[in-house]
PDB file of N, CA and C in Angstrom:
ATOM      1  N   UNK A   1       0.742  -1.386   0.165  1.00  0.00           N
ATOM      2  CA  UNK A   1       0.053   0.151   0.000  1.00  0.00           C
ATOM      3  C   UNK A   1       1.008   0.829  -0.177  1.00  0.00           C
ATOM      4  N   UNK A   2       0.540   2.092  -0.938  1.00  0.00           N
ATOM      5  CA  UNK A   2       1.440   3.488  -0.778  1.00  0.00           C
ATOM      6  C   UNK A   2       0.638   4.213   0.127  1.00  0.00           C
ATOM      7  N   UNK A   3       1.305   5.120   0.725  1.00  0.00           N
ATOM      8  CA  UNK A   3       0.775   5.907   1.821  1.00  0.00           C
ATOM      9  C   UNK A   3       0.533   7.267   1.094  1.00  0.00           C
ATOM     10  N   UNK A   4      -0.833   7.873   1.348  1.00  0.00           N
ATOM     11  CA  UNK A   4      -0.729   9.127   0.626  1.00  0.00           C
ATOM     12  C   UNK A   4      -0.734  10.125   1.494  1.00  0.00           C
ATOM     13  N   UNK A   5      -0.641   9.738   3.095  1.00  0.00           N
ATOM     14  CA  UNK A   5      -0.517  10.740   4.168  1.00  0.00           C
ATOM     15  C   UNK A   5       0.713  10.084   4.995  1.00  0.00           C
ATOM     16  N   UNK A   6       1.424  10.988   5.660  1.00  0.00           N
ATOM     17  CA  UNK A   6       2.369  10.546   6.508  1.00  0.00           C
ATOM     18  C   UNK A   6       1.740   9.908   7.795  1.00  0.00           C
ATOM     19  N   UNK A   7       2.232   8.630   7.962  1.00  0.00           N
ATOM     20  CA  UNK A   7       1.545   7.919   8.984  1.00  0.00           C
ATOM     21  C   UNK A   7       1.696   8.446  10.325  1.00  0.00           C
ATOM     22  N   UNK A   8       2.529   8.695  10.792  1.00  0.00           N
ATOM     23  CA  UNK A   8       2.877   9.326  12.411  1.00  0.00           C
ATOM     24  C   UNK A   8       2.528  10.879  12.595  1.00  0.00           C
ATOM     25  N   UNK A   9       1.813  11.357  11.592  1.00  0.00           N
ATOM     26  CA  UNK A   9       1.552  12.961  11.426  1.00  0.00           C
ATOM     27  C   UNK A   9      -0.048  12.934  11.733  1.00  0.00           C
ATOM     28  N   UNK A  10      -0.410  13.775  12.504  1.00  0.00           N
ATOM     29  CA  UNK A  10      -1.785  14.350  12.882  1.00  0.00           C
ATOM     30  C   UNK A  10      -1.986  15.517  11.969  1.00  0.00           C
ATOM     31  N   UNK A  11      -3.274  15.300  11.393  1.00  0.00           N
ATOM     32  CA  UNK A  11      -3.892  16.447  10.480  1.00  0.00           C
ATOM     33  C   UNK A  11      -5.138  17.096  11.089  1.00  0.00           C
ATOM     34  N   UNK A  12      -5.258  18.411  10.917  1.00  0.00           N
ATOM     35  CA  UNK A  12      -6.269  19.171  11.321  1.00  0.00           C
ATOM     36  C   UNK A  12      -7.130  19.950  10.285  1.00  0.00           C
ATOM     37  N   UNK A  13      -8.135  19.836  10.602  1.00  0.00           N
ATOM     38  CA  UNK A  13      -8.985  20.823   9.258  1.00  0.00           C
ATOM     39  C   UNK A  13      -8.318  22.122   8.807  1.00  0.00           C
ATOM     40  N   UNK A  14      -8.069  22.173   7.586  1.00  0.00           N
ATOM     41  CA  UNK A  14      -7.311  23.195   7.286  1.00  0.00           C
ATOM     42  C   UNK A  14      -5.768  23.116   6.838  1.00  0.00           C
ATOM     43  N   UNK A  15      -5.414  22.034   7.167  1.00  0.00           N
ATOM     44  CA  UNK A  15      -4.349  21.498   6.559  1.00  0.00           C
ATOM     45  C   UNK A  15      -4.502  21.211   4.943  1.00  0.00           C
ATOM     46  N   UNK A  16      -3.768  21.657   4.012  1.00  0.00           N
ATOM     47  CA  UNK A  16      -3.989  21.453   2.765  1.00  0.00           C
ATOM     48  C   UNK A  16      -3.845  20.127   2.202  1.00  0.00           C
ATOM     49  N   UNK A  17      -3.204  19.502   2.795  1.00  0.00           N
ATOM     50  CA  UNK A  17      -3.185  17.846   2.430  1.00  0.00           C
ATOM     51  C   UNK A  17      -4.321  17.195   2.310  1.00  0.00           C
ATOM     52  N   UNK A  18      -5.220  17.537   3.438  1.00  0.00           N
ATOM     53  CA  UNK A  18      -6.458  16.889   3.491  1.00  0.00           C
ATOM     54  C   UNK A  18      -7.557  17.166   2.225  1.00  0.00           C
ATOM     55  N   UNK A  19      -7.320  18.123   1.438  1.00  0.00           N
ATOM     56  CA  UNK A  19      -7.858  18.499   0.385  1.00  0.00           C
ATOM     57  C   UNK A  19      -7.777  17.315  -0.800  1.00  0.00           C
ATOM     58  N   UNK A  20      -7.029  16.341  -0.903  1.00  0.00           N
ATOM     59  CA  UNK A  20      -6.671  15.151  -1.553  1.00  0.00           C
ATOM     60  C   UNK A  20      -8.066  14.552  -1.423  1.00  0.00           C
ATOM     61  N   UNK A  21      -8.641  14.353  -0.225  1.00  0.00           N
ATOM     62  CA  UNK A  21      -9.902  13.395  -0.001  1.00  0.00           C
ATOM     63  C   UNK A  21     -11.025  14.209  -0.174  1.00  0.00           C
ATOM     64  N   UNK A  22     -11.324  15.497   0.225  1.00  0.00           N
ATOM     65  CA  UNK A  22     -12.267  16.279   0.165  1.00  0.00           C
ATOM     66  C   UNK A  22     -12.102  17.510   1.010  1.00  0.00           C
ATOM     67  N   UNK A  23     -12.916  18.632   0.659  1.00  0.00           N
ATOM     68  CA  UNK A  23     -12.968  19.881   1.084  1.00  0.00           C
ATOM     69  C   UNK A  23     -13.428  19.706   2.969  1.00  0.00           C
ATOM     70  N   UNK A  24     -13.667  20.944   3.305  1.00  0.00           N
ATOM     71  CA  UNK A  24     -13.828  21.027   4.567  1.00  0.00           C
ATOM     72  C   UNK A  24     -15.425  20.602   5.112  1.00  0.00           C
ATOM     73  N   UNK A  25     -16.215  20.987   4.045  1.00  0.00           N
ATOM     74  CA  UNK A  25     -17.723  20.784   3.924  1.00  0.00           C
ATOM     75  C   UNK A  25     -17.910  19.336   3.583  1.00  0.00           C
ATOM     76  N   UNK A  26     -17.166  18.641   2.700  1.00  0.00           N
ATOM     77  CA  UNK A  26     -17.465  17.196   2.563  1.00  0.00           C
ATOM     78  C   UNK A  26     -17.013  16.413   3.696  1.00  0.00           C
ATOM     79  N   UNK A  27     -15.798  16.695   4.299  1.00  0.00           N
ATOM     80  CA  UNK A  27     -15.360  16.218   5.693  1.00  0.00           C
ATOM     81  C   UNK A  27     -16.471  16.236   6.606  1.00  0.00           C
ATOM     82  N   UNK A  28     -16.989  17.319   6.817  1.00  0.00           N
ATOM     83  CA  UNK A  28     -18.066  17.365   7.950  1.00  0.00           C
ATOM     84  C   UNK A  28     -19.449  16.763   7.352  1.00  0.00           C
ATOM     85  N   UNK A  29     -19.758  16.631   6.093  1.00  0.00           N
ATOM     86  CA  UNK A  29     -20.784  15.548   5.903  1.00  0.00           C
ATOM     87  C   UNK A  29     -20.544  14.322   6.158  1.00  0.00           C
ATOM     88  N   UNK A  30     -19.323  13.706   5.759  1.00  0.00           N
ATOM     89  CA  UNK A  30     -18.937  12.532   6.002  1.00  0.00           C
ATOM     90  C   UNK A  30     -18.879  12.032   7.728  1.00  0.00           C
ATOM     91  N   UNK A  31     -18.415  13.062   8.398  1.00  0.00           N
ATOM     92  CA  UNK A  31     -18.406  13.003   9.989  1.00  0.00           C
ATOM     93  C   UNK A  31     -19.881  12.725  10.214  1.00  0.00           C
ATOM     94  N   UNK A  32     -20.840  13.653   9.848  1.00  0.00           N
ATOM     95  CA  UNK A  32     -22.062  13.608  10.293  1.00  0.00           C
ATOM     96  C   UNK A  32     -22.627  12.134   9.953  1.00  0.00           C
ATOM     97  N   UNK A  33     -22.520  11.755   8.816  1.00  0.00           N
ATOM     98  CA  UNK A  33     -23.132  10.453   8.247  1.00  0.00           C
ATOM     99  C   UNK A  33     -22.283   9.183   8.644  1.00  0.00           C
ATOM    100  N   UNK A  34     -21.333   9.494   9.418  1.00  0.00           N
ATOM    101  CA  UNK A  34     -20.394   8.260   9.873  1.00  0.00           C
ATOM    102  C   UNK A  34     -19.651   7.645   8.795  1.00  0.00           C
ATOM    103  N   UNK A  35     -19.423   8.296   7.628  1.00  0.00           N
ATOM    104  CA  UNK A  35     -18.880   7.571   6.574  1.00  0.00           C
ATOM    105  C   UNK A  35     -17.249   7.540   6.404  1.00  0.00           C
ATOM    106  N   UNK A  36     -16.857   8.716   6.739  1.00  0.00           N
ATOM    107  CA  UNK A  36     -15.733   9.290   6.380  1.00  0.00           C
ATOM    108  C   UNK A  36     -14.508   8.480   7.147  1.00  0.00           C
ATOM    109  N   UNK A  37     -13.206   8.978   7.115  1.00  0.00           N
ATOM    110  CA  UNK A  37     -11.965   8.379   7.973  1.00  0.00           C
ATOM    111  C   UNK A  37     -12.350   8.507   9.372  1.00  0.00           C
ATOM    112  N   UNK A  38     -11.600   7.798  10.219  1.00  0.00           N
ATOM    113  CA  UNK A  38     -11.594   7.859  11.683  1.00  0.00           C
ATOM    114  C   UNK A  38     -11.249   9.259  12.217  1.00  0.00           C
ATOM    115  N   UNK A  39     -11.620   9.771  13.030  1.00  0.00           N
ATOM    116  CA  UNK A  39     -11.159  10.955  13.594  1.00  0.00           C
ATOM    117  C   UNK A  39     -11.289  11.155  15.056  1.00  0.00           C
ATOM    118  N   UNK A  40     -10.783  12.227  15.876  1.00  0.00           N
ATOM    119  CA  UNK A  40     -10.825  12.563  17.005  1.00  0.00           C
ATOM    120  C   UNK A  40     -11.462  13.912  17.013  1.00  0.00           C
ATOM    121  N   UNK A  41     -12.340  14.083  18.119  1.00  0.00           N
ATOM    122  CA  UNK A  41     -12.943  15.257  18.328  1.00  0.00           C
ATOM    123  C   UNK A  41     -12.315  15.625  19.633  1.00  0.00           C
ATOM    124  N   UNK A  42     -11.745  16.595  19.906  1.00  0.00           N
ATOM    125  CA  UNK A  42     -11.054  17.259  20.883  1.00  0.00           C
ATOM    126  C   UNK A  42     -11.564  18.600  20.945  1.00  0.00           C
ATOM    127  N   UNK A  43     -12.599  18.762  21.822  1.00  0.00           N
ATOM    128  CA  UNK A  43     -13.380  19.845  22.008  1.00  0.00           C
ATOM    129  C   UNK A  43     -14.033  20.193  20.638  1.00  0.00           C
ATOM    130  N   UNK A  44     -13.522  21.560  20.133  1.00  0.00           N
ATOM    131  CA  UNK A  44     -14.373  21.745  18.964  1.00  0.00           C
ATOM    132  C   UNK A  44     -13.276  21.677  17.762  1.00  0.00           C
ATOM    133  N   UNK A  45     -12.018  20.807  18.026  1.00  0.00           N
ATOM    134  CA  UNK A  45     -11.073  20.516  16.947  1.00  0.00           C
ATOM    135  C   UNK A  45     -11.059  19.158  16.588  1.00  0.00           C
ATOM    136  N   UNK A  46     -11.069  19.202  15.286  1.00  0.00           N
ATOM    137  CA  UNK A  46     -11.106  17.639  14.537  1.00  0.00           C
ATOM    138  C   UNK A  46      -9.674  17.441  14.196  1.00  0.00           C
ATOM    139  N   UNK A  47      -9.368  16.254  14.566  1.00  0.00           N
ATOM    140  CA  UNK A  47      -7.973  15.744  14.170  1.00  0.00           C
ATOM    141  C   UNK A  47      -8.154  14.175  13.591  1.00  0.00           C
ATOM    142  N   UNK A  48      -7.392  14.205  12.498  1.00  0.00           N
ATOM    143  CA  UNK A  48      -7.039  12.959  11.837  1.00  0.00           C
ATOM    144  C   UNK A  48      -5.685  12.524  11.906  1.00  0.00           C
ATOM    145  N   UNK A  49      -5.696  11.214  12.110  1.00  0.00           N
ATOM    146  CA  UNK A  49      -4.185  10.551  12.130  1.00  0.00           C
ATOM    147  C   UNK A  49      -3.769  10.074  10.776  1.00  0.00           C
ATOM    148  N   UNK A  50      -2.639  10.313  10.337  1.00  0.00           N
ATOM    149  CA  UNK A  50      -2.163  10.119   9.121  1.00  0.00           C
ATOM    150  C   UNK A  50      -2.540   8.284   8.772  1.00  0.00           C
ATOM    151  N   UNK A  51      -2.168   7.447   9.753  1.00  0.00           N
ATOM    152  CA  UNK A  51      -2.474   6.105   9.701  1.00  0.00           C
ATOM    153  C   UNK A  51      -4.014   5.758   9.278  1.00  0.00           C
ATOM    154  N   UNK A  52      -4.847   6.447  10.011  1.00  0.00           N
ATOM    155  CA  UNK A  52      -6.365   6.436   9.837  1.00  0.00           C
ATOM    156  C   UNK A  52      -6.695   7.126   8.359  1.00  0.00           C
ATOM    157  N   UNK A  53      -6.143   8.063   7.958  1.00  0.00           N
ATOM    158  CA  UNK A  53      -6.475   8.418   6.592  1.00  0.00           C
ATOM    159  C   UNK A  53      -6.139   7.392   5.564  1.00  0.00           C
ATOM    160  N   UNK A  54      -4.804   7.003   5.694  1.00  0.00           N
ATOM    161  CA  UNK A  54      -4.184   5.886   4.760  1.00  0.00           C
ATOM    162  C   UNK A  54      -5.062   4.668   4.782  1.00  0.00           C
ATOM    163  N   UNK A  55      -5.329   4.169   5.830  1.00  0.00           N
ATOM    164  CA  UNK A  55      -6.200   2.857   6.025  1.00  0.00           C
ATOM    165  C   UNK A  55      -7.723   3.323   5.225  1.00  0.00           C
ATOM    166  N   UNK A  56      -8.223   4.439   5.481  1.00  0.00           N
ATOM    167  CA  UNK A  56      -9.659   4.760   4.882  1.00  0.00           C
ATOM    168  C   UNK A  56      -9.481   4.825   3.085  1.00  0.00           C
ATOM    169  N   UNK A  57      -8.189   5.395   2.901  1.00  0.00           N
ATOM    170  CA  UNK A  57      -8.046   5.534   1.254  1.00  0.00           C
ATOM    171  C   UNK A  57      -7.977   4.116   0.850  1.00  0.00           C
ATOM    172  N   UNK A  58      -7.049   3.202   1.634  1.00  0.00           N
ATOM    173  CA  UNK A  58      -6.979   2.023   0.956  1.00  0.00           C
ATOM    174  C   UNK A  58      -8.340   1.272   0.624  1.00  0.00           C
ATOM    175  N   UNK A  59      -8.952   1.341   2.163  1.00  0.00           N
ATOM    176  CA  UNK A  59     -10.277   0.533   1.835  1.00  0.00           C
ATOM    177  C   UNK A  59     -11.539   1.152   0.492  1.00  0.00           C
ATOM    178  N   UNK A  60     -11.168   2.222   0.197  1.00  0.00           N
ATOM    179  CA  UNK A  60     -11.497   2.902  -0.928  1.00  0.00           C
ATOM    180  C   UNK A  60     -11.102   2.714  -2.192  1.00  0.00           C
ATOM    181  N   UNK A  61      -9.997   1.969  -2.007  1.00  0.00           N
ATOM    182  CA  UNK A  61      -9.373   1.775  -3.343  1.00  0.00           C
ATOM    183  C   UNK A  61     -10.147   1.117  -4.173  1.00  0.00           C
ATOM    184  N   UNK A  62     -10.112   1.301  -5.831  1.00  0.00           N
ATOM    185  CA  UNK A  62     -11.122   0.740  -6.900  1.00  0.00           C
ATOM    186  C   UNK A  62      -9.833  -0.091  -7.655  1.00  0.00           C
ATOM    187  N   UNK A  63      -9.920  -1.409  -7.826  1.00  0.00           N
ATOM    188  CA  UNK A  63      -9.244  -2.149  -8.775  1.00  0.00           C
ATOM    189  C   UNK A  63      -9.985  -2.083 -10.317  1.00  0.00           C
ATOM    190  N   UNK A  64      -9.182  -1.568 -11.231  1.00  0.00           N
ATOM    191  CA  UNK A  64     -10.035  -1.623 -12.459  1.00  0.00           C
ATOM    192  C   UNK A  64     -10.388  -2.944 -13.196  1.00  0.00           C
ATOM    193  N   UNK A  65     -11.333  -3.254 -13.554  1.00  0.00           N
ATOM    194  CA  UNK A  65     -11.720  -4.509 -14.212  1.00  0.00           C
ATOM    195  C   UNK A  65     -11.452  -4.330 -15.441  1.00  0.00           C
ATOM    196  N   UNK A  66     -10.846  -5.313 -16.232  1.00  0.00           N
ATOM    197  CA  UNK A  66     -10.438  -5.452 -17.593  1.00  0.00           C
ATOM    198  C   UNK A  66     -11.991  -5.627 -18.236  1.00  0.00           C
ATOM    199  N   UNK A  67     -12.212  -4.683 -19.312  1.00  0.00           N
ATOM    200  CA  UNK A  67     -13.324  -5.053 -20.168  1.00  0.00           C
ATOM    201  C   UNK A  67     -13.319  -5.941 -21.428  1.00  0.00           C
ATOM    202  N   UNK A  68     -13.027  -6.929 -21.321  1.00  0.00           N
ATOM    203  CA  UNK A  68     -12.548  -7.831 -22.318  1.00  0.00           C
ATOM    204  C   UNK A  68     -13.825  -7.634 -23.628  1.00  0.00           C
ATOM    205  N   UNK A  69     -13.261  -7.247 -24.863  1.00  0.00           N
ATOM    206  CA  UNK A  69     -13.896  -7.404 -25.886  1.00  0.00           C
ATOM    207  C   UNK A  69     -13.340  -8.132 -26.753  1.00  0.00           C
ATOM    208  N   UNK A  70     -14.187  -8.906 -27.576  1.00  0.00           N
ATOM    209  CA  UNK A  70     -14.036  -9.834 -28.761  1.00  0.00           C
ATOM    210  C   UNK A  70     -13.901  -9.006 -29.913  1.00  0.00           C
TER     211      UNK A  70
END
């Protein structure tokens, strides 16, 4: 698995690296629906661990299917 995020780093909303998976509003929607990457809520601050972001990205990896044509 290639890591999109640094494994041992914490990311907070506003970090430009998070834009690779979605903007601030999209991440908020996912948190509300419980479908986004794991996160910590520390008071009003949202913190994502790099390891959790990588695991979430890997779980959403799509393997292309060969469309065999004759």
